[in-house]
Amino acid sequence: MNSLVLVYTTFSNVKEAKAVSEELLNKKLIICVNIFPKVNSLYLWKGEINSSCEVIAIMKSRSDQVDKIVEKVEAMHSYDQPAIVIIPIEKVNKSFANWVNSVIDVSSIGV
């Protein structure tokens, strides 16, 4: 059985976050996404401290889908340097793991 992961990324707006997330859901690369709008982000860019309002997306999936998820997010993302962070899930309840594995079936993915 594949291990489960969280995929953390940010977007410039809710519309973009939803569009990318819906594409990943339609391709069965992720099982679920939580979108947090209006987060204040501070970051270094070209030697300067910048501040912007961003949208956080936390997606749930399996480790065997990570490369496809990253490729799709990078292709659709508006940022030059999107942060796509993969966080392994150490432990999860059995019913959730069963749901993820029943929906994300490698043989049924048409990417």
PDB file of N, CA and C in Angstrom:
ATOM      1  N   MET A   1       0.840  -1.186   0.000  1.00  0.00           N
ATOM      2  CA  MET A   1       0.000   0.000   0.000  1.00  0.00           C
ATOM      3  C   MET A   1       0.883   1.247   0.000  1.00  0.00           C
ATOM      4  N   ASN A   2       0.487   2.249  -0.742  1.00  0.00           N
ATOM      5  CA  ASN A   2       1.235   3.499  -0.817  1.00  0.00           C
ATOM      6  C   ASN A   2       0.981   4.358   0.415  1.00  0.00           C
ATOM      7  N   SER A   3       1.998   5.120   0.794  1.00  0.00           N
ATOM      8  CA  SER A   3       1.838   6.019   1.918  1.00  0.00           C
ATOM      9  C   SER A   3       1.040   7.246   1.488  1.00  0.00           C
ATOM     10  N   LEU A   4       0.408   7.861   2.459  1.00  0.00           N
ATOM     11  CA  LEU A   4      -0.404   9.043   2.188  1.00  0.00           C
ATOM     12  C   LEU A   4       0.430  10.292   2.434  1.00  0.00           C
ATOM     13  N   VAL A   5       0.084  11.363   1.708  1.00  0.00           N
ATOM     14  CA  VAL A   5       0.809  12.627   1.804  1.00  0.00           C
ATOM     15  C   VAL A   5      -0.162  13.799   1.815  1.00  0.00           C
ATOM     16  N   LEU A   6       0.334  14.908   2.338  1.00  0.00           N
ATOM     17  CA  LEU A   6      -0.323  16.203   2.187  1.00  0.00           C
ATOM     18  C   LEU A   6       0.530  16.999   1.206  1.00  0.00           C
ATOM     19  N   VAL A   7      -0.115  17.692   0.303  1.00  0.00           N
ATOM     20  CA  VAL A   7       0.572  18.568  -0.643  1.00  0.00           C
ATOM     21  C   VAL A   7       0.157  19.991  -0.286  1.00  0.00           C
ATOM     22  N   TYR A   8       1.125  20.786   0.144  1.00  0.00           N
ATOM     23  CA  TYR A   8       0.884  22.165   0.560  1.00  0.00           C
ATOM     24  C   TYR A   8       1.376  23.093  -0.542  1.00  0.00           C
ATOM     25  N   THR A   9       0.532  24.016  -0.960  1.00  0.00           N
ATOM     26  CA  THR A   9       0.955  25.030  -1.917  1.00  0.00           C
ATOM     27  C   THR A   9       0.120  26.288  -1.723  1.00  0.00           C
ATOM     28  N   THR A  10       0.580  27.381  -2.308  1.00  0.00           N
ATOM     29  CA  THR A  10      -0.164  28.635  -2.249  1.00  0.00           C
ATOM     30  C   THR A  10      -0.476  29.107  -3.662  1.00  0.00           C
ATOM     31  N   PHE A  11      -1.513  29.907  -3.761  1.00  0.00           N
ATOM     32  CA  PHE A  11      -1.942  30.491  -5.037  1.00  0.00           C
ATOM     33  C   PHE A  11      -2.205  31.979  -4.846  1.00  0.00           C
ATOM     34  N   SER A  12      -2.289  32.686  -5.950  1.00  0.00           N
ATOM     35  CA  SER A  12      -2.522  34.123  -5.881  1.00  0.00           C
ATOM     36  C   SER A  12      -3.985  34.477  -5.600  1.00  0.00           C
ATOM     37  N   ASN A  13      -4.904  33.550  -5.909  1.00  0.00           N
ATOM     38  CA  ASN A  13      -6.319  33.826  -5.677  1.00  0.00           C
ATOM     39  C   ASN A  13      -7.117  32.520  -5.600  1.00  0.00           C
ATOM     40  N   VAL A  14      -8.345  32.608  -5.098  1.00  0.00           N
ATOM     41  CA  VAL A  14      -9.202  31.438  -4.915  1.00  0.00           C
ATOM     42  C   VAL A  14      -9.567  30.808  -6.253  1.00  0.00           C
ATOM     43  N   LYS A  15      -9.806  31.620  -7.270  1.00  0.00           N
ATOM     44  CA  LYS A  15     -10.178  31.088  -8.581  1.00  0.00           C
ATOM     45  C   LYS A  15      -9.102  30.137  -9.114  1.00  0.00           C
ATOM     46  N   GLU A  16      -7.837  30.546  -9.011  1.00  0.00           N
ATOM     47  CA  GLU A  16      -6.734  29.701  -9.469  1.00  0.00           C
ATOM     48  C   GLU A  16      -6.622  28.442  -8.606  1.00  0.00           C
ATOM     49  N   ALA A  17      -6.740  28.596  -7.292  1.00  0.00           N
ATOM     50  CA  ALA A  17      -6.660  27.440  -6.391  1.00  0.00           C
ATOM     51  C   ALA A  17      -7.738  26.416  -6.720  1.00  0.00           C
ATOM     52  N   LYS A  18      -8.946  26.894  -6.973  1.00  0.00           N
ATOM     53  CA  LYS A  18     -10.046  25.982  -7.304  1.00  0.00           C
ATOM     54  C   LYS A  18      -9.841  25.326  -8.666  1.00  0.00           C
ATOM     55  N   ALA A  19      -9.387  26.086  -9.646  1.00  0.00           N
ATOM     56  CA  ALA A  19      -9.180  25.529 -10.989  1.00  0.00           C
ATOM     57  C   ALA A  19      -8.144  24.410 -10.971  1.00  0.00           C
ATOM     58  N   VAL A  20      -7.025  24.649 -10.312  1.00  0.00           N
ATOM     59  CA  VAL A  20      -5.966  23.632 -10.224  1.00  0.00           C
ATOM     60  C   VAL A  20      -6.471  22.434  -9.419  1.00  0.00           C
ATOM     61  N   SER A  21      -7.119  22.694  -8.303  1.00  0.00           N
ATOM     62  CA  SER A  21      -7.620  21.619  -7.449  1.00  0.00           C
ATOM     63  C   SER A  21      -8.665  20.771  -8.170  1.00  0.00           C
ATOM     64  N   GLU A  22      -9.562  21.400  -8.898  1.00  0.00           N
ATOM     65  CA  GLU A  22     -10.582  20.647  -9.632  1.00  0.00           C
ATOM     66  C   GLU A  22      -9.960  19.776 -10.716  1.00  0.00           C
ATOM     67  N   GLU A  23      -8.927  20.276 -11.370  1.00  0.00           N
ATOM     68  CA  GLU A  23      -8.223  19.477 -12.373  1.00  0.00           C
ATOM     69  C   GLU A  23      -7.593  18.242 -11.718  1.00  0.00           C
ATOM     70  N   LEU A  24      -6.950  18.423 -10.572  1.00  0.00           N
ATOM     71  CA  LEU A  24      -6.331  17.303  -9.865  1.00  0.00           C
ATOM     72  C   LEU A  24      -7.373  16.309  -9.361  1.00  0.00           C
ATOM     73  N   LEU A  25      -8.509  16.810  -8.904  1.00  0.00           N
ATOM     74  CA  LEU A  25      -9.598  15.931  -8.469  1.00  0.00           C
ATOM     75  C   LEU A  25     -10.169  15.158  -9.659  1.00  0.00           C
ATOM     76  N   ASN A  26     -10.391  15.836 -10.772  1.00  0.00           N
ATOM     77  CA  ASN A  26     -10.923  15.171 -11.969  1.00  0.00           C
ATOM     78  C   ASN A  26      -9.997  14.072 -12.466  1.00  0.00           C
ATOM     79  N   LYS A  27      -8.697  14.277 -12.325  1.00  0.00           N
ATOM     80  CA  LYS A  27      -7.704  13.278 -12.753  1.00  0.00           C
ATOM     81  C   LYS A  27      -7.477  12.204 -11.688  1.00  0.00           C
ATOM     82  N   LYS A  28      -8.161  12.338 -10.546  1.00  0.00           N
ATOM     83  CA  LYS A  28      -8.012  11.427  -9.406  1.00  0.00           C
ATOM     84  C   LYS A  28      -6.573  11.355  -8.907  1.00  0.00           C
ATOM     85  N   LEU A  29      -5.897  12.500  -8.954  1.00  0.00           N
ATOM     86  CA  LEU A  29      -4.546  12.594  -8.405  1.00  0.00           C
ATOM     87  C   LEU A  29      -4.581  12.956  -6.928  1.00  0.00           C
ATOM     88  N   ILE A  30      -5.649  13.637  -6.522  1.00  0.00           N
ATOM     89  CA  ILE A  30      -5.869  13.958  -5.106  1.00  0.00           C
ATOM     90  C   ILE A  30      -7.275  13.503  -4.740  1.00  0.00           C
ATOM     91  N   ILE A  31      -7.495  13.329  -3.459  1.00  0.00           N
ATOM     92  CA  ILE A  31      -8.793  12.872  -2.962  1.00  0.00           C
ATOM     93  C   ILE A  31      -9.612  14.026  -2.380  1.00  0.00           C
ATOM     94  N   CYS A  32      -8.905  15.056  -1.902  1.00  0.00           N
ATOM     95  CA  CYS A  32      -9.559  16.148  -1.184  1.00  0.00           C
ATOM     96  C   CYS A  32      -8.610  17.337  -1.137  1.00  0.00           C
ATOM     97  N   VAL A  33      -9.174  18.535  -1.021  1.00  0.00           N
ATOM     98  CA  VAL A  33      -8.351  19.733  -0.853  1.00  0.00           C
ATOM     99  C   VAL A  33      -9.051  20.685   0.108  1.00  0.00           C
ATOM    100  N   ASN A  34      -8.279  21.311   0.967  1.00  0.00           N
ATOM    101  CA  ASN A  34      -8.784  22.375   1.830  1.00  0.00           C
ATOM    102  C   ASN A  34      -8.168  23.664   1.338  1.00  0.00           C
ATOM    103  N   ILE A  35      -9.027  24.651   1.059  1.00  0.00           N
ATOM    104  CA  ILE A  35      -8.569  25.940   0.531  1.00  0.00           C
ATOM    105  C   ILE A  35      -8.821  27.017   1.588  1.00  0.00           C
ATOM    106  N   PHE A  36      -7.738  27.698   1.964  1.00  0.00           N
ATOM    107  CA  PHE A  36      -7.803  28.754   2.967  1.00  0.00           C
ATOM    108  C   PHE A  36      -7.559  30.096   2.281  1.00  0.00           C
ATOM    109  N   PRO A  37      -8.584  30.904   2.095  1.00  0.00           N
ATOM    110  CA  PRO A  37      -8.401  32.180   1.406  1.00  0.00           C
ATOM    111  C   PRO A  37      -7.840  33.266   2.318  1.00  0.00           C
ATOM    112  N   LYS A  38      -7.280  34.270   1.689  1.00  0.00           N
ATOM    113  CA  LYS A  38      -6.841  35.492   2.365  1.00  0.00           C
ATOM    114  C   LYS A  38      -5.848  35.267   3.498  1.00  0.00           C
ATOM    115  N   VAL A  39      -4.714  34.699   3.162  1.00  0.00           N
ATOM    116  CA  VAL A  39      -3.635  34.518   4.120  1.00  0.00           C
ATOM    117  C   VAL A  39      -2.556  35.547   3.803  1.00  0.00           C
ATOM    118  N   ASN A  40      -2.088  36.258   4.817  1.00  0.00           N
ATOM    119  CA  ASN A  40      -1.036  37.241   4.602  1.00  0.00           C
ATOM    120  C   ASN A  40       0.314  36.530   4.590  1.00  0.00           C
ATOM    121  N   SER A  41       1.028  36.648   3.489  1.00  0.00           N
ATOM    122  CA  SER A  41       2.331  36.001   3.351  1.00  0.00           C
ATOM    123  C   SER A  41       3.439  37.039   3.273  1.00  0.00           C
ATOM    124  N   LEU A  42       4.515  36.803   4.008  1.00  0.00           N
ATOM    125  CA  LEU A  42       5.734  37.602   3.924  1.00  0.00           C
ATOM    126  C   LEU A  42       6.810  36.690   3.359  1.00  0.00           C
ATOM    127  N   TYR A  43       7.587  37.185   2.404  1.00  0.00           N
ATOM    128  CA  TYR A  43       8.598  36.338   1.777  1.00  0.00           C
ATOM    129  C   TYR A  43       9.701  37.195   1.170  1.00  0.00           C
ATOM    130  N   LEU A  44      10.855  36.559   1.007  1.00  0.00           N
ATOM    131  CA  LEU A  44      11.975  37.224   0.349  1.00  0.00           C
ATOM    132  C   LEU A  44      11.905  36.946  -1.146  1.00  0.00           C
ATOM    133  N   TRP A  45      12.000  37.994  -1.947  1.00  0.00           N
ATOM    134  CA  TRP A  45      12.001  37.864  -3.401  1.00  0.00           C
ATOM    135  C   TRP A  45      12.930  38.923  -3.966  1.00  0.00           C
ATOM    136  N   LYS A  46      13.957  38.470  -4.670  1.00  0.00           N
ATOM    137  CA  LYS A  46      14.949  39.356  -5.278  1.00  0.00           C
ATOM    138  C   LYS A  46      15.565  40.307  -4.246  1.00  0.00           C
ATOM    139  N   GLY A  47      15.872  39.740  -3.060  1.00  0.00           N
ATOM    140  CA  GLY A  47      16.552  40.492  -2.015  1.00  0.00           C
ATOM    141  C   GLY A  47      15.681  41.437  -1.217  1.00  0.00           C
ATOM    142  N   GLU A  48      14.407  41.443  -1.458  1.00  0.00           N
ATOM    143  CA  GLU A  48      13.481  42.347  -0.768  1.00  0.00           C
ATOM    144  C   GLU A  48      12.439  41.548   0.008  1.00  0.00           C
ATOM    145  N   ILE A  49      11.991  42.103   1.123  1.00  0.00           N
ATOM    146  CA  ILE A  49      10.866  41.515   1.839  1.00  0.00           C
ATOM    147  C   ILE A  49       9.588  41.981   1.160  1.00  0.00           C
ATOM    148  N   ASN A  50       8.769  41.014   0.762  1.00  0.00           N
ATOM    149  CA  ASN A  50       7.491  41.303   0.118  1.00  0.00           C
ATOM    150  C   ASN A  50       6.355  40.793   0.984  1.00  0.00           C
ATOM    151  N   SER A  51       5.191  41.364   0.769  1.00  0.00           N
ATOM    152  CA  SER A  51       3.981  40.945   1.465  1.00  0.00           C
ATOM    153  C   SER A  51       2.857  40.863   0.452  1.00  0.00           C
ATOM    154  N   SER A  52       2.081  39.783   0.523  1.00  0.00           N
ATOM    155  CA  SER A  52       0.933  39.670  -0.364  1.00  0.00           C
ATOM    156  C   SER A  52      -0.134  38.807   0.289  1.00  0.00           C
ATOM    157  N   CYS A  53      -1.329  38.936  -0.225  1.00  0.00           N
ATOM    158  CA  CYS A  53      -2.437  38.116   0.219  1.00  0.00           C
ATOM    159  C   CYS A  53      -2.468  36.883  -0.684  1.00  0.00           C
ATOM    160  N   GLU A  54      -2.397  35.707  -0.092  1.00  0.00           N
ATOM    161  CA  GLU A  54      -2.383  34.469  -0.863  1.00  0.00           C
ATOM    162  C   GLU A  54      -3.487  33.532  -0.391  1.00  0.00           C
ATOM    163  N   VAL A  55      -3.603  32.434  -1.111  1.00  0.00           N
ATOM    164  CA  VAL A  55      -4.558  31.382  -0.801  1.00  0.00           C
ATOM    165  C   VAL A  55      -3.755  30.104  -0.569  1.00  0.00           C
ATOM    166  N   ILE A  56      -3.992  29.427   0.548  1.00  0.00           N
ATOM    167  CA  ILE A  56      -3.310  28.167   0.838  1.00  0.00           C
ATOM    168  C   ILE A  56      -4.204  27.009   0.419  1.00  0.00           C
ATOM    169  N   ALA A  57      -3.595  26.016  -0.218  1.00  0.00           N
ATOM    170  CA  ALA A  57      -4.299  24.774  -0.536  1.00  0.00           C
ATOM    171  C   ALA A  57      -3.530  23.619   0.085  1.00  0.00           C
ATOM    172  N   ILE A  58      -4.245  22.789   0.819  1.00  0.00           N
ATOM    173  CA  ILE A  58      -3.664  21.575   1.380  1.00  0.00           C
ATOM    174  C   ILE A  58      -4.432  20.404   0.778  1.00  0.00           C
ATOM    175  N   MET A  59      -3.720  19.613  -0.011  1.00  0.00           N
ATOM    176  CA  MET A  59      -4.326  18.505  -0.748  1.00  0.00           C
ATOM    177  C   MET A  59      -3.923  17.179  -0.114  1.00  0.00           C
ATOM    178  N   LYS A  60      -4.817  16.213  -0.183  1.00  0.00           N
ATOM    179  CA  LYS A  60      -4.539  14.882   0.345  1.00  0.00           C
ATOM    180  C   LYS A  60      -4.430  13.901  -0.810  1.00  0.00           C
ATOM    181  N   SER A  61      -3.399  13.058  -0.759  1.00  0.00           N
ATOM    182  CA  SER A  61      -3.179  12.107  -1.846  1.00  0.00           C
ATOM    183  C   SER A  61      -2.300  10.961  -1.372  1.00  0.00           C
ATOM    184  N   ARG A  62      -1.745  10.241  -2.361  1.00  0.00           N
ATOM    185  CA  ARG A  62      -0.822   9.143  -2.104  1.00  0.00           C
ATOM    186  C   ARG A  62       0.547   9.497  -2.656  1.00  0.00           C
ATOM    187  N   SER A  63       1.562   8.919  -2.050  1.00  0.00           N
ATOM    188  CA  SER A  63       2.936   9.223  -2.444  1.00  0.00           C
ATOM    189  C   SER A  63       3.234   8.856  -3.895  1.00  0.00           C
ATOM    190  N   ASP A  64       2.565   7.842  -4.433  1.00  0.00           N
ATOM    191  CA  ASP A  64       2.827   7.447  -5.818  1.00  0.00           C
ATOM    192  C   ASP A  64       2.261   8.433  -6.838  1.00  0.00           C
ATOM    193  N   GLN A  65       1.508   9.426  -6.385  1.00  0.00           N
ATOM    194  CA  GLN A  65       0.922  10.422  -7.279  1.00  0.00           C
ATOM    195  C   GLN A  65       1.666  11.757  -7.249  1.00  0.00           C
ATOM    196  N   VAL A  66       2.651  11.887  -6.363  1.00  0.00           N
ATOM    197  CA  VAL A  66       3.326  13.167  -6.124  1.00  0.00           C
ATOM    198  C   VAL A  66       3.929  13.757  -7.395  1.00  0.00           C
ATOM    199  N   ASP A  67       4.663  12.982  -8.171  1.00  0.00           N
ATOM    200  CA  ASP A  67       5.306  13.521  -9.376  1.00  0.00           C
ATOM    201  C   ASP A  67       4.269  14.082 -10.352  1.00  0.00           C
ATOM    202  N   LYS A  68       3.152  13.395 -10.520  1.00  0.00           N
ATOM    203  CA  LYS A  68       2.090  13.867 -11.422  1.00  0.00           C
ATOM    204  C   LYS A  68       1.427  15.133 -10.876  1.00  0.00           C
ATOM    205  N   ILE A  69       1.237  15.177  -9.565  1.00  0.00           N
ATOM    206  CA  ILE A  69       0.641  16.358  -8.938  1.00  0.00           C
ATOM    207  C   ILE A  69       1.543  17.567  -9.134  1.00  0.00           C
ATOM    208  N   VAL A  70       2.824  17.409  -8.826  1.00  0.00           N
ATOM    209  CA  VAL A  70       3.782  18.520  -8.963  1.00  0.00           C
ATOM    210  C   VAL A  70       3.827  18.997 -10.408  1.00  0.00           C
ATOM    211  N   GLU A  71       3.886  18.081 -11.347  1.00  0.00           N
ATOM    212  CA  GLU A  71       3.932  18.445 -12.769  1.00  0.00           C
ATOM    213  C   GLU A  71       2.698  19.248 -13.178  1.00  0.00           C
ATOM    214  N   LYS A  72       1.524  18.806 -12.755  1.00  0.00           N
ATOM    215  CA  LYS A  72       0.268  19.480 -13.117  1.00  0.00           C
ATOM    216  C   LYS A  72       0.171  20.855 -12.446  1.00  0.00           C
ATOM    217  N   VAL A  73       0.532  20.933 -11.166  1.00  0.00           N
ATOM    218  CA  VAL A  73       0.468  22.217 -10.460  1.00  0.00           C
ATOM    219  C   VAL A  73       1.428  23.214 -11.107  1.00  0.00           C
ATOM    220  N   GLU A  74       2.668  22.790 -11.374  1.00  0.00           N
ATOM    221  CA  GLU A  74       3.638  23.691 -12.011  1.00  0.00           C
ATOM    222  C   GLU A  74       3.151  24.161 -13.381  1.00  0.00           C
ATOM    223  N   ALA A  75       2.525  23.287 -14.134  1.00  0.00           N
ATOM    224  CA  ALA A  75       2.045  23.648 -15.478  1.00  0.00           C
ATOM    225  C   ALA A  75       0.902  24.657 -15.434  1.00  0.00           C
ATOM    226  N   MET A  76       0.070  24.578 -14.408  1.00  0.00           N
ATOM    227  CA  MET A  76      -1.118  25.437 -14.326  1.00  0.00           C
ATOM    228  C   MET A  76      -0.915  26.675 -13.468  1.00  0.00           C
ATOM    229  N   HIS A  77       0.153  26.739 -12.696  1.00  0.00           N
ATOM    230  CA  HIS A  77       0.343  27.785 -11.689  1.00  0.00           C
ATOM    231  C   HIS A  77       0.766  29.105 -12.322  1.00  0.00           C
ATOM    232  N   SER A  78       0.311  30.204 -11.736  1.00  0.00           N
ATOM    233  CA  SER A  78       0.660  31.531 -12.248  1.00  0.00           C
ATOM    234  C   SER A  78       2.009  32.039 -11.719  1.00  0.00           C
ATOM    235  N   TYR A  79       2.525  31.445 -10.643  1.00  0.00           N
ATOM    236  CA  TYR A  79       3.795  31.899 -10.086  1.00  0.00           C
ATOM    237  C   TYR A  79       4.972  31.348 -10.879  1.00  0.00           C
ATOM    238  N   ASP A  80       6.054  32.150 -10.945  1.00  0.00           N
ATOM    239  CA  ASP A  80       7.304  31.670 -11.537  1.00  0.00           C
ATOM    240  C   ASP A  80       7.926  30.570 -10.680  1.00  0.00           C
ATOM    241  N   GLN A  81       7.814  30.710  -9.367  1.00  0.00           N
ATOM    242  CA  GLN A  81       8.420  29.782  -8.408  1.00  0.00           C
ATOM    243  C   GLN A  81       7.378  29.305  -7.396  1.00  0.00           C
ATOM    244  N   PRO A  82       6.415  28.472  -7.815  1.00  0.00           N
ATOM    245  CA  PRO A  82       5.437  28.017  -6.814  1.00  0.00           C
ATOM    246  C   PRO A  82       6.100  27.095  -5.798  1.00  0.00           C
ATOM    247  N   ALA A  83       5.713  27.234  -4.555  1.00  0.00           N
ATOM    248  CA  ALA A  83       6.173  26.318  -3.513  1.00  0.00           C
ATOM    249  C   ALA A  83       5.188  25.159  -3.456  1.00  0.00           C
ATOM    250  N   ILE A  84       5.684  23.968  -3.716  1.00  0.00           N
ATOM    251  CA  ILE A  84       4.865  22.761  -3.638  1.00  0.00           C
ATOM    252  C   ILE A  84       5.580  21.844  -2.653  1.00  0.00           C
ATOM    253  N   VAL A  85       5.017  21.729  -1.468  1.00  0.00           N
ATOM    254  CA  VAL A  85       5.676  21.023  -0.379  1.00  0.00           C
ATOM    255  C   VAL A  85       4.924  19.719  -0.111  1.00  0.00           C
ATOM    256  N   ILE A  86       5.664  18.614  -0.126  1.00  0.00           N
ATOM    257  CA  ILE A  86       5.072  17.306   0.123  1.00  0.00           C
ATOM    258  C   ILE A  86       5.364  16.917   1.572  1.00  0.00           C
ATOM    259  N   ILE A  87       4.306  16.634   2.322  1.00  0.00           N
ATOM    260  CA  ILE A  87       4.428  16.299   3.729  1.00  0.00           C
ATOM    261  C   ILE A  87       3.925  14.862   3.922  1.00  0.00           C
ATOM    262  N   PRO A  88       4.819  13.940   4.261  1.00  0.00           N
ATOM    263  CA  PRO A  88       4.383  12.564   4.502  1.00  0.00           C
ATOM    264  C   PRO A  88       3.457  12.492   5.713  1.00  0.00           C
ATOM    265  N   ILE A  89       2.440  11.674   5.621  1.00  0.00           N
ATOM    266  CA  ILE A  89       1.532  11.452   6.748  1.00  0.00           C
ATOM    267  C   ILE A  89       2.029  10.219   7.492  1.00  0.00           C
ATOM    268  N   GLU A  90       2.389  10.410   8.723  1.00  0.00           N
ATOM    269  CA  GLU A  90       2.942   9.308   9.521  1.00  0.00           C
ATOM    270  C   GLU A  90       1.875   8.289   9.892  1.00  0.00           C
ATOM    271  N   LYS A  91       0.694   8.769  10.263  1.00  0.00           N
ATOM    272  CA  LYS A  91      -0.358   7.870  10.709  1.00  0.00           C
ATOM    273  C   LYS A  91      -1.705   8.485  10.372  1.00  0.00           C
ATOM    274  N   VAL A  92      -2.656   7.638  10.018  1.00  0.00           N
ATOM    275  CA  VAL A  92      -3.995   8.102   9.664  1.00  0.00           C
ATOM    276  C   VAL A  92      -4.992   7.003  10.033  1.00  0.00           C
ATOM    277  N   ASN A  93      -6.229   7.395  10.292  1.00  0.00           N
ATOM    278  CA  ASN A  93      -7.224   6.381  10.618  1.00  0.00           C
ATOM    279  C   ASN A  93      -7.495   5.479   9.404  1.00  0.00           C
ATOM    280  N   LYS A  94      -7.803   4.230   9.685  1.00  0.00           N
ATOM    281  CA  LYS A  94      -7.930   3.209   8.650  1.00  0.00           C
ATOM    282  C   LYS A  94      -9.028   3.528   7.635  1.00  0.00           C
ATOM    283  N   SER A  95     -10.153   4.046   8.091  1.00  0.00           N
ATOM    284  CA  SER A  95     -11.251   4.322   7.155  1.00  0.00           C
ATOM    285  C   SER A  95     -10.865   5.414   6.156  1.00  0.00           C
ATOM    286  N   PHE A  96     -10.116   6.423   6.602  1.00  0.00           N
ATOM    287  CA  PHE A  96      -9.663   7.455   5.673  1.00  0.00           C
ATOM    288  C   PHE A  96      -8.673   6.869   4.668  1.00  0.00           C
ATOM    289  N   ALA A  97      -7.723   6.084   5.139  1.00  0.00           N
ATOM    290  CA  ALA A  97      -6.748   5.454   4.239  1.00  0.00           C
ATOM    291  C   ALA A  97      -7.451   4.564   3.219  1.00  0.00           C
ATOM    292  N   ASN A  98      -8.444   3.819   3.652  1.00  0.00           N
ATOM    293  CA  ASN A  98      -9.193   2.962   2.729  1.00  0.00           C
ATOM    294  C   ASN A  98      -9.913   3.784   1.672  1.00  0.00           C
ATOM    295  N   TRP A  99     -10.483   4.923   2.077  1.00  0.00           N
ATOM    296  CA  TRP A  99     -11.179   5.792   1.129  1.00  0.00           C
ATOM    297  C   TRP A  99     -10.201   6.323   0.085  1.00  0.00           C
ATOM    298  N   VAL A 100      -9.057   6.829   0.542  1.00  0.00           N
ATOM    299  CA  VAL A 100      -8.048   7.351  -0.383  1.00  0.00           C
ATOM    300  C   VAL A 100      -7.639   6.271  -1.380  1.00  0.00           C
ATOM    301  N   ASN A 101      -7.315   5.106  -0.873  1.00  0.00           N
ATOM    302  CA  ASN A 101      -6.834   4.034  -1.745  1.00  0.00           C
ATOM    303  C   ASN A 101      -7.920   3.470  -2.653  1.00  0.00           C
ATOM    304  N   SER A 102      -9.186   3.593  -2.275  1.00  0.00           N
ATOM    305  CA  SER A 102     -10.257   3.105  -3.148  1.00  0.00           C
ATOM    306  C   SER A 102     -10.552   4.066  -4.285  1.00  0.00           C
ATOM    307  N   VAL A 103     -10.294   5.345  -4.076  1.00  0.00           N
ATOM    308  CA  VAL A 103     -10.589   6.351  -5.097  1.00  0.00           C
ATOM    309  C   VAL A 103      -9.390   6.590  -6.008  1.00  0.00           C
ATOM    310  N   ILE A 104      -8.215   6.715  -5.418  1.00  0.00           N
ATOM    311  CA  ILE A 104      -7.011   6.959  -6.203  1.00  0.00           C
ATOM    312  C   ILE A 104      -6.416   5.609  -6.587  1.00  0.00           C
ATOM    313  N   ASP A 105      -6.861   5.125  -7.714  1.00  0.00           N
ATOM    314  CA  ASP A 105      -6.392   3.837  -8.225  1.00  0.00           C
ATOM    315  C   ASP A 105      -5.581   4.104  -9.462  1.00  0.00           C
ATOM    316  N   VAL A 106      -4.329   3.746  -9.450  1.00  0.00           N
ATOM    317  CA  VAL A 106      -3.413   4.056 -10.540  1.00  0.00           C
ATOM    318  C   VAL A 106      -3.944   3.567 -11.882  1.00  0.00           C
ATOM    319  N   SER A 107      -4.603   2.441 -11.894  1.00  0.00           N
ATOM    320  CA  SER A 107      -5.080   1.888 -13.173  1.00  0.00           C
ATOM    321  C   SER A 107      -6.221   2.696 -13.774  1.00  0.00           C
ATOM    322  N   SER A 108      -6.896   3.516 -12.970  1.00  0.00           N
ATOM    323  CA  SER A 108      -8.033   4.279 -13.491  1.00  0.00           C
ATOM    324  C   SER A 108      -7.693   5.721 -13.834  1.00  0.00           C
ATOM    325  N   ILE A 109      -6.444   6.113 -13.649  1.00  0.00           N
ATOM    326  CA  ILE A 109      -6.050   7.507 -13.874  1.00  0.00           C
ATOM    327  C   ILE A 109      -5.745   7.748 -15.338  1.00  0.00           C
ATOM    328  N   GLY A 110      -6.383   8.749 -15.892  1.00  0.00           N
ATOM    329  CA  GLY A 110      -6.132   9.128 -17.270  1.00  0.00           C
ATOM    330  C   GLY A 110      -5.489  10.488 -17.346  1.00  0.00           C
ATOM    331  N   VAL A 111      -4.214  10.562 -17.002  1.00  0.00           N
ATOM    332  CA  VAL A 111      -3.529  11.868 -16.960  1.00  0.00           C
ATOM    333  C   VAL A 111      -3.055  12.255 -18.322  1.00  0.00           C
TER     334      VAL A 111
END
